[in-house]
C-alpha atoms as a PDB file:
ATOM      1  CA  MET A   1     -26.894  35.260  22.077  1.00  0.00           C
ATOM      2  CA  ARG A   2     -23.799  36.643  23.782  1.00  0.00           C
ATOM      3  CA  ARG A   3     -22.841  33.206  25.104  1.00  0.00           C
ATOM      4  CA  ILE A   4     -22.816  31.606  21.619  1.00  0.00           C
ATOM      5  CA  LEU A   5     -21.049  34.600  19.908  1.00  0.00           C
ATOM      6  CA  LEU A   6     -18.006  34.648  22.209  1.00  0.00           C
ATOM      7  CA  PRO A   7     -16.840  30.999  21.602  1.00  0.00           C
ATOM      8  CA  VAL A   8     -17.354  31.488  17.802  1.00  0.00           C
ATOM      9  CA  ILE A   9     -15.139  34.541  17.894  1.00  0.00           C
ATOM     10  CA  ALA A  10     -12.512  32.768  19.991  1.00  0.00           C
ATOM     11  CA  VAL A  11     -12.392  29.866  17.510  1.00  0.00           C
ATOM     12  CA  GLY A  12     -12.114  32.276  14.584  1.00  0.00           C
ATOM     13  CA  LEU A  13      -9.138  33.950  16.194  1.00  0.00           C
ATOM     14  CA  LEU A  14      -7.422  30.578  16.791  1.00  0.00           C
ATOM     15  CA  LEU A  15      -7.961  29.381  13.233  1.00  0.00           C
ATOM     16  CA  ALA A  16      -7.061  32.646  11.518  1.00  0.00           C
ATOM     17  CA  PRO A  17      -3.192  32.362  11.914  1.00  0.00           C
ATOM     18  CA  ALA A  18      -3.182  28.800  10.758  1.00  0.00           C
ATOM     19  CA  ALA A  19      -5.163  29.653   7.701  1.00  0.00           C
ATOM     20  CA  GLY A  20      -2.616  32.376   6.799  1.00  0.00           C
ATOM     21  CA  ARG A  21       0.250  29.959   6.945  1.00  0.00           C
ATOM     22  CA  ALA A  22      -1.569  27.423   4.838  1.00  0.00           C
ATOM     23  CA  ALA A  23      -2.146  30.102   2.201  1.00  0.00           C
ATOM     24  CA  ASP A  24       1.524  31.092   2.195  1.00  0.00           C
ATOM     25  CA  ALA A  25       2.616  27.485   1.702  1.00  0.00           C
ATOM     26  CA  THR A  26       0.635  27.098  -1.515  1.00  0.00           C
ATOM     27  CA  THR A  27       0.745  30.572  -3.126  1.00  0.00           C
ATOM     28  CA  SER A  28       2.086  29.070  -6.379  1.00  0.00           C
ATOM     29  CA  GLY A  29      -0.899  26.723  -6.641  1.00  0.00           C
ATOM     30  CA  ALA A  30       1.227  23.612  -6.355  1.00  0.00           C
ATOM     31  CA  PRO A  31       1.674  21.777  -2.984  1.00  0.00           C
ATOM     32  CA  LEU A  32       4.968  22.513  -1.316  1.00  0.00           C
ATOM     33  CA  VAL A  33       5.776  18.844  -0.735  1.00  0.00           C
ATOM     34  CA  ARG A  34       4.481  15.654  -2.400  1.00  0.00           C
ATOM     35  CA  ILE A  35       5.291  11.959  -2.015  1.00  0.00           C
ATOM     36  CA  GLY A  36       5.298  10.086  -5.209  1.00  0.00           C
ATOM     37  CA  GLY A  37       5.432   6.461  -6.265  1.00  0.00           C
ATOM     38  CA  ALA A  38       3.139   3.589  -7.124  1.00  0.00           C
ATOM     39  CA  PRO A  39       0.245   2.795  -4.675  1.00  0.00           C
ATOM     40  CA  LYS A  40       1.850  -0.579  -3.913  1.00  0.00           C
ATOM     41  CA  LEU A  41       5.573  -1.281  -3.446  1.00  0.00           C
ATOM     42  CA  GLN A  42       7.180  -4.665  -4.034  1.00  0.00           C
ATOM     43  CA  ALA A  43       7.860  -6.467  -0.755  1.00  0.00           C
ATOM     44  CA  ALA A  44      11.707  -6.708  -1.126  1.00  0.00           C
ATOM     45  CA  LYS A  45      14.912  -5.896   0.724  1.00  0.00           C
ATOM     46  CA  ARG A  46      15.187  -2.407  -0.888  1.00  0.00           C
ATOM     47  CA  LEU A  47      12.210  -0.003  -0.991  1.00  0.00           C
ATOM     48  CA  GLN A  48      12.172   3.418  -2.540  1.00  0.00           C
ATOM     49  CA  PHE A  49       9.829   6.325  -3.156  1.00  0.00           C
ATOM     50  CA  PRO A  50      10.371   9.914  -4.354  1.00  0.00           C
ATOM     51  CA  VAL A  51       9.695  13.133  -2.451  1.00  0.00           C
ATOM     52  CA  PHE A  52       9.138  16.293  -4.486  1.00  0.00           C
ATOM     53  CA  CYS A  53       9.171  19.955  -3.535  1.00  0.00           C
ATOM     54  CA  SER A  54       7.748  22.888  -5.571  1.00  0.00           C
ATOM     55  CA  ARG A  55      10.086  25.418  -3.792  1.00  0.00           C
ATOM     56  CA  PRO A  56      13.439  25.069  -2.044  1.00  0.00           C
ATOM     57  CA  CYS A  57      12.508  23.322   1.251  1.00  0.00           C
ATOM     58  CA  PHE A  58      13.868  21.403   4.213  1.00  0.00           C
ATOM     59  CA  VAL A  59      12.075  18.062   4.514  1.00  0.00           C
ATOM     60  CA  LYS A  60      11.849  15.571   7.384  1.00  0.00           C
ATOM     61  CA  VAL A  61      10.433  12.176   6.298  1.00  0.00           C
ATOM     62  CA  THR A  62       9.114   9.712   8.858  1.00  0.00           C
ATOM     63  CA  SER A  63       8.423   6.137   7.562  1.00  0.00           C
ATOM     64  CA  ARG A  64       6.471   3.684   9.637  1.00  0.00           C
ATOM     65  CA  PHE A  65       6.105   0.031   8.756  1.00  0.00           C
ATOM     66  CA  ALA A  66       2.896  -1.243  10.266  1.00  0.00           C
ATOM     67  CA  TRP A  67       2.934  -5.036  10.162  1.00  0.00           C
ATOM     68  CA  PRO A  68       2.084  -7.868  12.564  1.00  0.00           C
ATOM     69  CA  GLY A  69       4.262  -7.317  15.652  1.00  0.00           C
ATOM     70  CA  PRO A  70       6.079  -4.174  16.613  1.00  0.00           C
ATOM     71  CA  ASP A  71       6.178  -1.336  14.044  1.00  0.00           C
ATOM     72  CA  LEU A  72       9.447  -0.126  12.572  1.00  0.00           C
ATOM     73  CA  VAL A  73       9.940   3.598  12.377  1.00  0.00           C
ATOM     74  CA  LEU A  74      12.651   5.374  10.367  1.00  0.00           C
ATOM     75  CA  THR A  75      13.391   9.069   9.923  1.00  0.00           C
ATOM     76  CA  SER A  76      15.480  11.138   7.487  1.00  0.00           C
ATOM     77  CA  ALA A  77      15.922  14.800   6.800  1.00  0.00           C
ATOM     78  CA  THR A  78      17.370  16.734   3.884  1.00  0.00           C
ATOM     79  CA  THR A  79      17.074  19.841   1.723  1.00  0.00           C
ATOM     80  CA  ILE A  80      15.272  19.452  -1.636  1.00  0.00           C
ATOM     81  CA  GLN A  81      15.447  21.924  -4.581  1.00  0.00           C
ATOM     82  CA  PRO A  82      12.500  22.198  -7.049  1.00  0.00           C
ATOM     83  CA  GLY A  83      12.810  19.726  -9.957  1.00  0.00           C
ATOM     84  CA  GLN A  84      15.266  17.566  -8.047  1.00  0.00           C
ATOM     85  CA  PRO A  85      13.347  14.962  -6.134  1.00  0.00           C
ATOM     86  CA  LYS A  86      14.934  13.054  -3.254  1.00  0.00           C
ATOM     87  CA  VAL A  87      14.494   9.310  -3.557  1.00  0.00           C
ATOM     88  CA  ASP A  88      14.147   7.946  -0.178  1.00  0.00           C
ATOM     89  CA  ARG A  89      15.650   4.430  -0.041  1.00  0.00           C
ATOM     90  CA  ILE A  90      14.999   1.904   2.700  1.00  0.00           C
ATOM     91  CA  THR A  91      17.102  -1.219   3.061  1.00  0.00           C
ATOM     92  CA  LEU A  92      15.733  -3.976   5.267  1.00  0.00           C
ATOM     93  CA  ASN A  93      17.879  -6.606   6.977  1.00  0.00           C
ATOM     94  CA  GLY A  94      17.245 -10.343   6.420  1.00  0.00           C
ATOM     95  CA  PRO A  95      14.686 -11.023   9.180  1.00  0.00           C
ATOM     96  CA  ALA A  96      12.723  -7.858   8.370  1.00  0.00           C
ATOM     97  CA  THR A  97      12.646  -8.728   4.658  1.00  0.00           C
ATOM     98  CA  ALA A  98      11.376 -12.238   5.422  1.00  0.00           C
ATOM     99  CA  HIS A  99       8.760 -10.825   7.840  1.00  0.00           C
ATOM    100  CA  LEU A 100       7.505  -8.304   5.241  1.00  0.00           C
ATOM    101  CA  LYS A 101       7.315 -11.018   2.533  1.00  0.00           C
ATOM    102  CA  SER A 102       5.422 -13.526   4.768  1.00  0.00           C
ATOM    103  CA  ASN A 103       2.999 -10.727   5.951  1.00  0.00           C
ATOM    104  CA  TYR A 104       2.785  -8.399   2.924  1.00  0.00           C
ATOM    105  CA  ARG A 105      -1.083  -8.513   2.866  1.00  0.00           C
ATOM    106  CA  GLN A 106      -1.342  -7.369   6.508  1.00  0.00           C
ATOM    107  CA  SER A 107       1.446  -4.727   6.143  1.00  0.00           C
ATOM    108  CA  HIS A 108       1.653  -1.173   4.968  1.00  0.00           C
ATOM    109  CA  LEU A 109       4.157   1.668   4.927  1.00  0.00           C
ATOM    110  CA  LYS A 110       2.892   5.027   6.176  1.00  0.00           C
ATOM    111  CA  VAL A 111       5.191   7.924   5.017  1.00  0.00           C
ATOM    112  CA  ILE A 112       4.828  11.465   6.444  1.00  0.00           C
ATOM    113  CA  ALA A 113       6.865  14.327   4.838  1.00  0.00           C
ATOM    114  CA  ARG A 114       7.089  17.588   6.808  1.00  0.00           C
ATOM    115  CA  ALA A 115       8.339  20.452   4.741  1.00  0.00           C
ATOM    116  CA  ARG A 116       9.464  23.958   5.534  1.00  0.00           C
ATOM    117  CA  ASN A 117       9.905  26.520   2.628  1.00  0.00           C
ATOM    118  CA  LEU A 118      13.318  27.944   2.965  1.00  0.00           C
ATOM    119  CA  GLU A 119      12.261  31.295   1.513  1.00  0.00           C
ATOM    120  CA  THR A 120       9.073  32.013   3.424  1.00  0.00           C
ATOM    121  CA  ASN A 121       9.334  29.607   6.314  1.00  0.00           C
ATOM    122  CA  ALA A 122       5.856  28.244   5.527  1.00  0.00           C
ATOM    123  CA  HIS A 123       5.165  24.656   6.587  1.00  0.00           C
ATOM    124  CA  GLN A 124       3.201  21.852   4.884  1.00  0.00           C
ATOM    125  CA  ASN A 125       2.782  18.098   5.308  1.00  0.00           C
ATOM    126  CA  ASP A 126       2.036  15.224   2.956  1.00  0.00           C
ATOM    127  CA  VAL A 127       1.016  11.714   4.048  1.00  0.00           C
ATOM    128  CA  ARG A 128       0.994   8.615   1.864  1.00  0.00           C
ATOM    129  CA  ILE A 129       0.226   5.002   2.656  1.00  0.00           C
ATOM    130  CA  PHE A 130       1.835   2.365   0.465  1.00  0.00           C
ATOM    131  CA  GLY A 131       0.585  -1.240   0.321  1.00  0.00           C
ATOM    132  CA  PHE A 132       2.809  -4.126  -0.690  1.00  0.00           C
ATOM    133  CA  HIS A 133       2.763  -6.828  -3.375  1.00  0.00           C
ATOM    134  CA  LEU A 134       5.042  -9.740  -4.223  1.00  0.00           C
END
């Protein structure tokens, strides 16, 4: 009995601080950060999707194109105010656009937004995977 109880208490102590931070991030009921847009983006030279915050927050966005061949990874960081979404715009060069258009069915764009509330320093992430169409 004692052998089982000690690991359970240790796991409970490890999870308790993380649970408190998660509760702080969403005290208003709305998520701190959210990635918007349609489920599929048009395979084109210019791609865009909005990132929303419910509180003033600092956001780091990592975008990864997963397509045949090596992946393409892009990052950006900015401060976002509530009600003023940041539209993340990606402009591909000619060869990347041609590669995306010829392989759009096997490709997707994975976007991870990591946000930090500027008032409470609470953290929250959002992940969105976009497909492509012509």
